[in-house]
Amino acid sequence: MDTKLTLRLDKEIIERIKIYASKQQKSLSALTEELYKSFLMKSTGSSESEIRSPIAKKYKGIINSTDFDEDAQKLSYLRDKHLS
């Protein structure tokens, strides 16, 4: 359930965040809610804070960690990226 919240912020900050929200094609309310969700996830140590993309969330857990060498994959990606 959505509830109204009143915040008092510096006028310059409000103007700048409105511009940012517009560029992100989001409402100021949606942007503020995302900010607080992110803050809460980080402060509680939630593993979801590491996964922000809906696509990444969808595929989380597909790869068995014993079958996947993260460091080797990063190295391979960086070699391909910079040597191509």
PDB file of N, CA and C in Angstrom:
ATOM      1  N   MET A   1       0.835  -1.169   0.000  1.00  0.00           N
ATOM      2  CA  MET A   1       0.000   0.000   0.000  1.00  0.00           C
ATOM      3  C   MET A   1       0.886   1.241   0.000  1.00  0.00           C
ATOM      4  N   ASP A   2       0.630   2.140  -0.911  1.00  0.00           N
ATOM      5  CA  ASP A   2       1.387   3.385  -0.984  1.00  0.00           C
ATOM      6  C   ASP A   2       0.855   4.383   0.036  1.00  0.00           C
ATOM      7  N   THR A   3       1.766   5.118   0.641  1.00  0.00           N
ATOM      8  CA  THR A   3       1.429   6.134   1.627  1.00  0.00           C
ATOM      9  C   THR A   3       2.195   7.399   1.290  1.00  0.00           C
ATOM     10  N   LYS A   4       1.570   8.520   1.487  1.00  0.00           N
ATOM     11  CA  LYS A   4       2.193   9.812   1.197  1.00  0.00           C
ATOM     12  C   LYS A   4       3.256  10.131   2.244  1.00  0.00           C
ATOM     13  N   LEU A   5       4.367  10.719   1.791  1.00  0.00           N
ATOM     14  CA  LEU A   5       5.465  11.116   2.662  1.00  0.00           C
ATOM     15  C   LEU A   5       5.914  12.515   2.262  1.00  0.00           C
ATOM     16  N   THR A   6       6.094  13.378   3.229  1.00  0.00           N
ATOM     17  CA  THR A   6       6.565  14.730   2.959  1.00  0.00           C
ATOM     18  C   THR A   6       8.021  14.838   3.393  1.00  0.00           C
ATOM     19  N   LEU A   7       8.871  15.315   2.480  1.00  0.00           N
ATOM     20  CA  LEU A   7      10.290  15.498   2.781  1.00  0.00           C
ATOM     21  C   LEU A   7      10.657  16.964   2.593  1.00  0.00           C
ATOM     22  N   ARG A   8      11.583  17.419   3.375  1.00  0.00           N
ATOM     23  CA  ARG A   8      12.104  18.776   3.217  1.00  0.00           C
ATOM     24  C   ARG A   8      13.570  18.655   2.810  1.00  0.00           C
ATOM     25  N   LEU A   9      13.875  19.187   1.616  1.00  0.00           N
ATOM     26  CA  LEU A   9      15.232  19.112   1.081  1.00  0.00           C
ATOM     27  C   LEU A   9      15.633  20.476   0.538  1.00  0.00           C
ATOM     28  N   ASP A  10      16.932  20.660   0.374  1.00  0.00           N
ATOM     29  CA  ASP A  10      17.467  21.875  -0.219  1.00  0.00           C
ATOM     30  C   ASP A  10      16.887  22.042  -1.627  1.00  0.00           C
ATOM     31  N   LYS A  11      16.468  23.266  -1.965  1.00  0.00           N
ATOM     32  CA  LYS A  11      15.824  23.541  -3.248  1.00  0.00           C
ATOM     33  C   LYS A  11      16.691  23.116  -4.440  1.00  0.00           C
ATOM     34  N   GLU A  12      17.997  23.376  -4.358  1.00  0.00           N
ATOM     35  CA  GLU A  12      18.907  23.018  -5.454  1.00  0.00           C
ATOM     36  C   GLU A  12      18.959  21.501  -5.656  1.00  0.00           C
ATOM     37  N   ILE A  13      18.970  20.769  -4.553  1.00  0.00           N
ATOM     38  CA  ILE A  13      18.985  19.305  -4.638  1.00  0.00           C
ATOM     39  C   ILE A  13      17.706  18.809  -5.299  1.00  0.00           C
ATOM     40  N   ILE A  14      16.581  19.394  -4.928  1.00  0.00           N
ATOM     41  CA  ILE A  14      15.299  18.988  -5.509  1.00  0.00           C
ATOM     42  C   ILE A  14      15.304  19.210  -7.017  1.00  0.00           C
ATOM     43  N   GLU A  15      15.759  20.358  -7.448  1.00  0.00           N
ATOM     44  CA  GLU A  15      15.792  20.653  -8.881  1.00  0.00           C
ATOM     45  C   GLU A  15      16.701  19.684  -9.629  1.00  0.00           C
ATOM     46  N   ARG A  16      17.860  19.415  -9.054  1.00  0.00           N
ATOM     47  CA  ARG A  16      18.808  18.510  -9.718  1.00  0.00           C
ATOM     48  C   ARG A  16      18.267  17.080  -9.773  1.00  0.00           C
ATOM     49  N   ILE A  17      17.610  16.631  -8.701  1.00  0.00           N
ATOM     50  CA  ILE A  17      17.107  15.258  -8.693  1.00  0.00           C
ATOM     51  C   ILE A  17      15.901  15.124  -9.612  1.00  0.00           C
ATOM     52  N   LYS A  18      15.127  16.185  -9.792  1.00  0.00           N
ATOM     53  CA  LYS A  18      14.020  16.158 -10.746  1.00  0.00           C
ATOM     54  C   LYS A  18      14.548  15.971 -12.168  1.00  0.00           C
ATOM     55  N   ILE A  19      15.630  16.659 -12.481  1.00  0.00           N
ATOM     56  CA  ILE A  19      16.250  16.519 -13.804  1.00  0.00           C
ATOM     57  C   ILE A  19      16.762  15.092 -13.991  1.00  0.00           C
ATOM     58  N   TYR A  20      17.433  14.566 -12.972  1.00  0.00           N
ATOM     59  CA  TYR A  20      17.950  13.202 -13.038  1.00  0.00           C
ATOM     60  C   TYR A  20      16.805  12.201 -13.214  1.00  0.00           C
ATOM     61  N   ALA A  21      15.739  12.355 -12.444  1.00  0.00           N
ATOM     62  CA  ALA A  21      14.592  11.442 -12.537  1.00  0.00           C
ATOM     63  C   ALA A  21      13.985  11.498 -13.934  1.00  0.00           C
ATOM     64  N   SER A  22      13.888  12.689 -14.489  1.00  0.00           N
ATOM     65  CA  SER A  22      13.341  12.848 -15.835  1.00  0.00           C
ATOM     66  C   SER A  22      14.193  12.120 -16.869  1.00  0.00           C
ATOM     67  N   LYS A  23      15.508  12.233 -16.751  1.00  0.00           N
ATOM     68  CA  LYS A  23      16.414  11.550 -17.679  1.00  0.00           C
ATOM     69  C   LYS A  23      16.312  10.034 -17.548  1.00  0.00           C
ATOM     70  N   GLN A  24      15.998   9.555 -16.345  1.00  0.00           N
ATOM     71  CA  GLN A  24      15.851   8.118 -16.105  1.00  0.00           C
ATOM     72  C   GLN A  24      14.439   7.633 -16.445  1.00  0.00           C
ATOM     73  N   GLN A  25      13.589   8.565 -16.850  1.00  0.00           N
ATOM     74  CA  GLN A  25      12.186   8.291 -17.168  1.00  0.00           C
ATOM     75  C   GLN A  25      11.478   7.637 -15.983  1.00  0.00           C
ATOM     76  N   LYS A  26      11.705   8.213 -14.807  1.00  0.00           N
ATOM     77  CA  LYS A  26      11.085   7.731 -13.578  1.00  0.00           C
ATOM     78  C   LYS A  26      10.498   8.916 -12.826  1.00  0.00           C
ATOM     79  N   SER A  27       9.506   8.626 -12.021  1.00  0.00           N
ATOM     80  CA  SER A  27       8.959   9.678 -11.167  1.00  0.00           C
ATOM     81  C   SER A  27       9.911   9.901 -10.000  1.00  0.00           C
ATOM     82  N   LEU A  28       9.796  11.048  -9.385  1.00  0.00           N
ATOM     83  CA  LEU A  28      10.610  11.348  -8.221  1.00  0.00           C
ATOM     84  C   LEU A  28      10.281  10.378  -7.088  1.00  0.00           C
ATOM     85  N   SER A  29       9.012  10.003  -6.978  1.00  0.00           N
ATOM     86  CA  SER A  29       8.597   9.034  -5.953  1.00  0.00           C
ATOM     87  C   SER A  29       9.245   7.672  -6.190  1.00  0.00           C
ATOM     88  N   ALA A  30       9.238   7.207  -7.441  1.00  0.00           N
ATOM     89  CA  ALA A  30       9.838   5.901  -7.759  1.00  0.00           C
ATOM     90  C   ALA A  30      11.336   5.916  -7.480  1.00  0.00           C
ATOM     91  N   LEU A  31      11.987   6.997  -7.860  1.00  0.00           N
ATOM     92  CA  LEU A  31      13.421   7.126  -7.628  1.00  0.00           C
ATOM     93  C   LEU A  31      13.736   7.133  -6.133  1.00  0.00           C
ATOM     94  N   THR A  32      12.935   7.847  -5.357  1.00  0.00           N
ATOM     95  CA  THR A  32      13.130   7.910  -3.912  1.00  0.00           C
ATOM     96  C   THR A  32      12.916   6.541  -3.276  1.00  0.00           C
ATOM     97  N   GLU A  33      11.885   5.835  -3.722  1.00  0.00           N
ATOM     98  CA  GLU A  33      11.631   4.496  -3.183  1.00  0.00           C
ATOM     99  C   GLU A  33      12.796   3.552  -3.492  1.00  0.00           C
ATOM    100  N   GLU A  34      13.334   3.621  -4.714  1.00  0.00           N
ATOM    101  CA  GLU A  34      14.493   2.794  -5.077  1.00  0.00           C
ATOM    102  C   GLU A  34      15.686   3.109  -4.182  1.00  0.00           C
ATOM    103  N   LEU A  35      15.897   4.378  -3.911  1.00  0.00           N
ATOM    104  CA  LEU A  35      17.005   4.796  -3.056  1.00  0.00           C
ATOM    105  C   LEU A  35      16.874   4.187  -1.665  1.00  0.00           C
ATOM    106  N   TYR A  36      15.683   4.280  -1.089  1.00  0.00           N
ATOM    107  CA  TYR A  36      15.482   3.737   0.258  1.00  0.00           C
ATOM    108  C   TYR A  36      15.580   2.214   0.270  1.00  0.00           C
ATOM    109  N   LYS A  37      15.056   1.559  -0.761  1.00  0.00           N
ATOM    110  CA  LYS A  37      15.176   0.097  -0.840  1.00  0.00           C
ATOM    111  C   LYS A  37      16.641  -0.313  -0.906  1.00  0.00           C
ATOM    112  N   SER A  38      17.405   0.389  -1.727  1.00  0.00           N
ATOM    113  CA  SER A  38      18.828   0.104  -1.852  1.00  0.00           C
ATOM    114  C   SER A  38      19.540   0.293  -0.516  1.00  0.00           C
ATOM    115  N   PHE A  39      19.223   1.374   0.164  1.00  0.00           N
ATOM    116  CA  PHE A  39      19.825   1.655   1.466  1.00  0.00           C
ATOM    117  C   PHE A  39      19.488   0.553   2.467  1.00  0.00           C
ATOM    118  N   LEU A  40      18.229   0.154   2.506  1.00  0.00           N
ATOM    119  CA  LEU A  40      17.806  -0.884   3.449  1.00  0.00           C
ATOM    120  C   LEU A  40      18.468  -2.221   3.147  1.00  0.00           C
ATOM    121  N   MET A  41      18.603  -2.568   1.865  1.00  0.00           N
ATOM    122  CA  MET A  41      19.242  -3.832   1.496  1.00  0.00           C
ATOM    123  C   MET A  41      20.705  -3.840   1.913  1.00  0.00           C
ATOM    124  N   LYS A  42      21.386  -2.722   1.706  1.00  0.00           N
ATOM    125  CA  LYS A  42      22.797  -2.640   2.081  1.00  0.00           C
ATOM    126  C   LYS A  42      22.970  -2.698   3.589  1.00  0.00           C
ATOM    127  N   SER A  43      22.085  -2.013   4.323  1.00  0.00           N
ATOM    128  CA  SER A  43      22.234  -1.957   5.771  1.00  0.00           C
ATOM    129  C   SER A  43      21.897  -3.285   6.435  1.00  0.00           C
ATOM    130  N   THR A  44      21.073  -4.114   5.789  1.00  0.00           N
ATOM    131  CA  THR A  44      20.728  -5.416   6.359  1.00  0.00           C
ATOM    132  C   THR A  44      21.623  -6.523   5.827  1.00  0.00           C
ATOM    133  N   GLY A  45      22.497  -6.179   4.880  1.00  0.00           N
ATOM    134  CA  GLY A  45      23.398  -7.176   4.314  1.00  0.00           C
ATOM    135  C   GLY A  45      22.700  -8.147   3.376  1.00  0.00           C
ATOM    136  N   SER A  46      21.599  -7.734   2.821  1.00  0.00           N
ATOM    137  CA  SER A  46      20.837  -8.593   1.920  1.00  0.00           C
ATOM    138  C   SER A  46      21.624  -8.871   0.654  1.00  0.00           C
ATOM    139  N   SER A  47      21.611 -10.115   0.219  1.00  0.00           N
ATOM    140  CA  SER A  47      22.320 -10.463  -1.009  1.00  0.00           C
ATOM    141  C   SER A  47      21.630  -9.864  -2.224  1.00  0.00           C
ATOM    142  N   GLU A  48      20.357  -9.501  -2.102  1.00  0.00           N
ATOM    143  CA  GLU A  48      19.640  -8.888  -3.209  1.00  0.00           C
ATOM    144  C   GLU A  48      20.233  -7.530  -3.572  1.00  0.00           C
ATOM    145  N   SER A  49      20.950  -6.885  -2.639  1.00  0.00           N
ATOM    146  CA  SER A  49      21.532  -5.587  -2.932  1.00  0.00           C
ATOM    147  C   SER A  49      22.597  -5.693  -4.019  1.00  0.00           C
ATOM    148  N   GLU A  50      23.157  -6.885  -4.206  1.00  0.00           N
ATOM    149  CA  GLU A  50      24.165  -7.085  -5.239  1.00  0.00           C
ATOM    150  C   GLU A  50      23.530  -7.217  -6.612  1.00  0.00           C
ATOM    151  N   ILE A  51      22.256  -7.560  -6.661  1.00  0.00           N
ATOM    152  CA  ILE A  51      21.579  -7.800  -7.930  1.00  0.00           C
ATOM    153  C   ILE A  51      20.494  -6.752  -8.109  1.00  0.00           C
ATOM    154  N   ARG A  52      20.753  -5.776  -8.985  1.00  0.00           N
ATOM    155  CA  ARG A  52      19.805  -4.695  -9.183  1.00  0.00           C
ATOM    156  C   ARG A  52      18.970  -4.896 -10.443  1.00  0.00           C
ATOM    157  N   SER A  53      19.495  -5.552 -11.422  1.00  0.00           N
ATOM    158  CA  SER A  53      18.808  -5.731 -12.685  1.00  0.00           C
ATOM    159  C   SER A  53      17.730  -6.809 -12.574  1.00  0.00           C
ATOM    160  N   PRO A  54      16.530  -6.525 -13.091  1.00  0.00           N
ATOM    161  CA  PRO A  54      15.483  -7.547 -13.073  1.00  0.00           C
ATOM    162  C   PRO A  54      15.900  -8.806 -13.846  1.00  0.00           C
ATOM    163  N   ILE A  55      16.677  -8.634 -14.898  1.00  0.00           N
ATOM    164  CA  ILE A  55      17.137  -9.781 -15.682  1.00  0.00           C
ATOM    165  C   ILE A  55      18.102 -10.616 -14.850  1.00  0.00           C
ATOM    166  N   ALA A  56      19.012  -9.957 -14.141  1.00  0.00           N
ATOM    167  CA  ALA A  56      19.956 -10.689 -13.288  1.00  0.00           C
ATOM    168  C   ALA A  56      19.219 -11.420 -12.175  1.00  0.00           C
ATOM    169  N   LYS A  57      18.198 -10.784 -11.599  1.00  0.00           N
ATOM    170  CA  LYS A  57      17.420 -11.439 -10.553  1.00  0.00           C
ATOM    171  C   LYS A  57      16.740 -12.688 -11.085  1.00  0.00           C
ATOM    172  N   LYS A  58      16.260 -12.605 -12.328  1.00  0.00           N
ATOM    173  CA  LYS A  58      15.555 -13.737 -12.945  1.00  0.00           C
ATOM    174  C   LYS A  58      16.466 -14.952 -13.058  1.00  0.00           C
ATOM    175  N   TYR A  59      17.730 -14.727 -13.369  1.00  0.00           N
ATOM    176  CA  TYR A  59      18.652 -15.839 -13.607  1.00  0.00           C
ATOM    177  C   TYR A  59      19.549 -16.158 -12.417  1.00  0.00           C
ATOM    178  N   LYS A  60      19.335 -15.482 -11.307  1.00  0.00           N
ATOM    179  CA  LYS A  60      20.138 -15.735 -10.114  1.00  0.00           C
ATOM    180  C   LYS A  60      20.007 -17.199  -9.688  1.00  0.00           C
ATOM    181  N   GLY A  61      21.136 -17.833  -9.445  1.00  0.00           N
ATOM    182  CA  GLY A  61      21.137 -19.202  -8.947  1.00  0.00           C
ATOM    183  C   GLY A  61      21.128 -20.272 -10.013  1.00  0.00           C
ATOM    184  N   ILE A  62      21.103 -19.898 -11.286  1.00  0.00           N
ATOM    185  CA  ILE A  62      21.084 -20.892 -12.359  1.00  0.00           C
ATOM    186  C   ILE A  62      22.403 -21.651 -12.428  1.00  0.00           C
ATOM    187  N   ILE A  63      23.504 -20.948 -12.252  1.00  0.00           N
ATOM    188  CA  ILE A  63      24.820 -21.572 -12.351  1.00  0.00           C
ATOM    189  C   ILE A  63      25.226 -22.089 -10.978  1.00  0.00           C
ATOM    190  N   ASN A  64      25.567 -23.348 -10.927  1.00  0.00           N
ATOM    191  CA  ASN A  64      26.041 -23.945  -9.685  1.00  0.00           C
ATOM    192  C   ASN A  64      27.422 -23.381  -9.396  1.00  0.00           C
ATOM    193  N   SER A  65      27.621 -22.877  -8.204  1.00  0.00           N
ATOM    194  CA  SER A  65      28.882 -22.205  -7.877  1.00  0.00           C
ATOM    195  C   SER A  65      30.098 -23.131  -7.997  1.00  0.00           C
ATOM    196  N   THR A  66      29.910 -24.433  -7.879  1.00  0.00           N
ATOM    197  CA  THR A  66      31.048 -25.346  -8.011  1.00  0.00           C
ATOM    198  C   THR A  66      31.469 -25.511  -9.466  1.00  0.00           C
ATOM    199  N   ASP A  67      30.564 -25.174 -10.394  1.00  0.00           N
ATOM    200  CA  ASP A  67      30.864 -25.311 -11.822  1.00  0.00           C
ATOM    201  C   ASP A  67      31.362 -24.010 -12.442  1.00  0.00           C
ATOM    202  N   PHE A  68      31.412 -22.948 -11.684  1.00  0.00           N
ATOM    203  CA  PHE A  68      31.682 -21.633 -12.241  1.00  0.00           C
ATOM    204  C   PHE A  68      32.875 -20.991 -11.546  1.00  0.00           C
ATOM    205  N   ASP A  69      33.891 -20.645 -12.330  1.00  0.00           N
ATOM    206  CA  ASP A  69      35.069 -19.961 -11.797  1.00  0.00           C
ATOM    207  C   ASP A  69      34.954 -18.488 -12.163  1.00  0.00           C
ATOM    208  N   GLU A  70      34.489 -17.692 -11.222  1.00  0.00           N
ATOM    209  CA  GLU A  70      34.224 -16.278 -11.468  1.00  0.00           C
ATOM    210  C   GLU A  70      35.482 -15.534 -11.914  1.00  0.00           C
ATOM    211  N   ASP A  71      36.599 -15.774 -11.262  1.00  0.00           N
ATOM    212  CA  ASP A  71      37.843 -15.081 -11.613  1.00  0.00           C
ATOM    213  C   ASP A  71      38.281 -15.416 -13.032  1.00  0.00           C
ATOM    214  N   ALA A  72      38.172 -16.676 -13.409  1.00  0.00           N
ATOM    215  CA  ALA A  72      38.549 -17.089 -14.767  1.00  0.00           C
ATOM    216  C   ALA A  72      37.640 -16.434 -15.796  1.00  0.00           C
ATOM    217  N   GLN A  73      36.346 -16.327 -15.485  1.00  0.00           N
ATOM    218  CA  GLN A  73      35.406 -15.696 -16.409  1.00  0.00           C
ATOM    219  C   GLN A  73      35.697 -14.210 -16.569  1.00  0.00           C
ATOM    220  N   LYS A  74      36.004 -13.545 -15.464  1.00  0.00           N
ATOM    221  CA  LYS A  74      36.351 -12.120 -15.539  1.00  0.00           C
ATOM    222  C   LYS A  74      37.600 -11.908 -16.375  1.00  0.00           C
ATOM    223  N   LEU A  75      38.611 -12.727 -16.129  1.00  0.00           N
ATOM    224  CA  LEU A  75      39.857 -12.612 -16.868  1.00  0.00           C
ATOM    225  C   LEU A  75      39.628 -12.851 -18.361  1.00  0.00           C
ATOM    226  N   SER A  76      38.859 -13.861 -18.678  1.00  0.00           N
ATOM    227  CA  SER A  76      38.541 -14.168 -20.073  1.00  0.00           C
ATOM    228  C   SER A  76      37.801 -13.004 -20.728  1.00  0.00           C
ATOM    229  N   TYR A  77      36.838 -12.445 -20.031  1.00  0.00           N
ATOM    230  CA  TYR A  77      36.071 -11.326 -20.564  1.00  0.00           C
ATOM    231  C   TYR A  77      36.984 -10.127 -20.822  1.00  0.00           C
ATOM    232  N   LEU A  78      37.845  -9.803 -19.859  1.00  0.00           N
ATOM    233  CA  LEU A  78      38.721  -8.651 -20.012  1.00  0.00           C
ATOM    234  C   LEU A  78      39.736  -8.853 -21.131  1.00  0.00           C
ATOM    235  N   ARG A  79      40.242 -10.076 -21.273  1.00  0.00           N
ATOM    236  CA  ARG A  79      41.164 -10.343 -22.402  1.00  0.00           C
ATOM    237  C   ARG A  79      40.465 -10.123 -23.732  1.00  0.00           C
ATOM    238  N   ASP A  80      39.263 -10.698 -23.865  1.00  0.00           N
ATOM    239  CA  ASP A  80      38.507 -10.537 -25.123  1.00  0.00           C
ATOM    240  C   ASP A  80      38.190  -9.077 -25.381  1.00  0.00           C
ATOM    241  N   LYS A  81      37.828  -8.370 -24.339  1.00  0.00           N
ATOM    242  CA  LYS A  81      37.447  -6.971 -24.477  1.00  0.00           C
ATOM    243  C   LYS A  81      38.595  -6.095 -24.919  1.00  0.00           C
ATOM    244  N   HIS A  82      39.762  -6.299 -24.323  1.00  0.00           N
ATOM    245  CA  HIS A  82      40.891  -5.404 -24.578  1.00  0.00           C
ATOM    246  C   HIS A  82      41.839  -5.879 -25.681  1.00  0.00           C
ATOM    247  N   LEU A  83      41.747  -7.105 -26.059  1.00  0.00           N
ATOM    248  CA  LEU A  83      42.642  -7.609 -27.101  1.00  0.00           C
ATOM    249  C   LEU A  83      41.952  -7.726 -28.458  1.00  0.00           C
ATOM    250  N   SER A  84      40.662  -7.461 -28.473  1.00  0.00           N
ATOM    251  CA  SER A  84      39.908  -7.549 -29.745  1.00  0.00           C
ATOM    252  C   SER A  84      39.945  -6.255 -30.502  1.00  0.00           C
TER     253      SER A  84
END
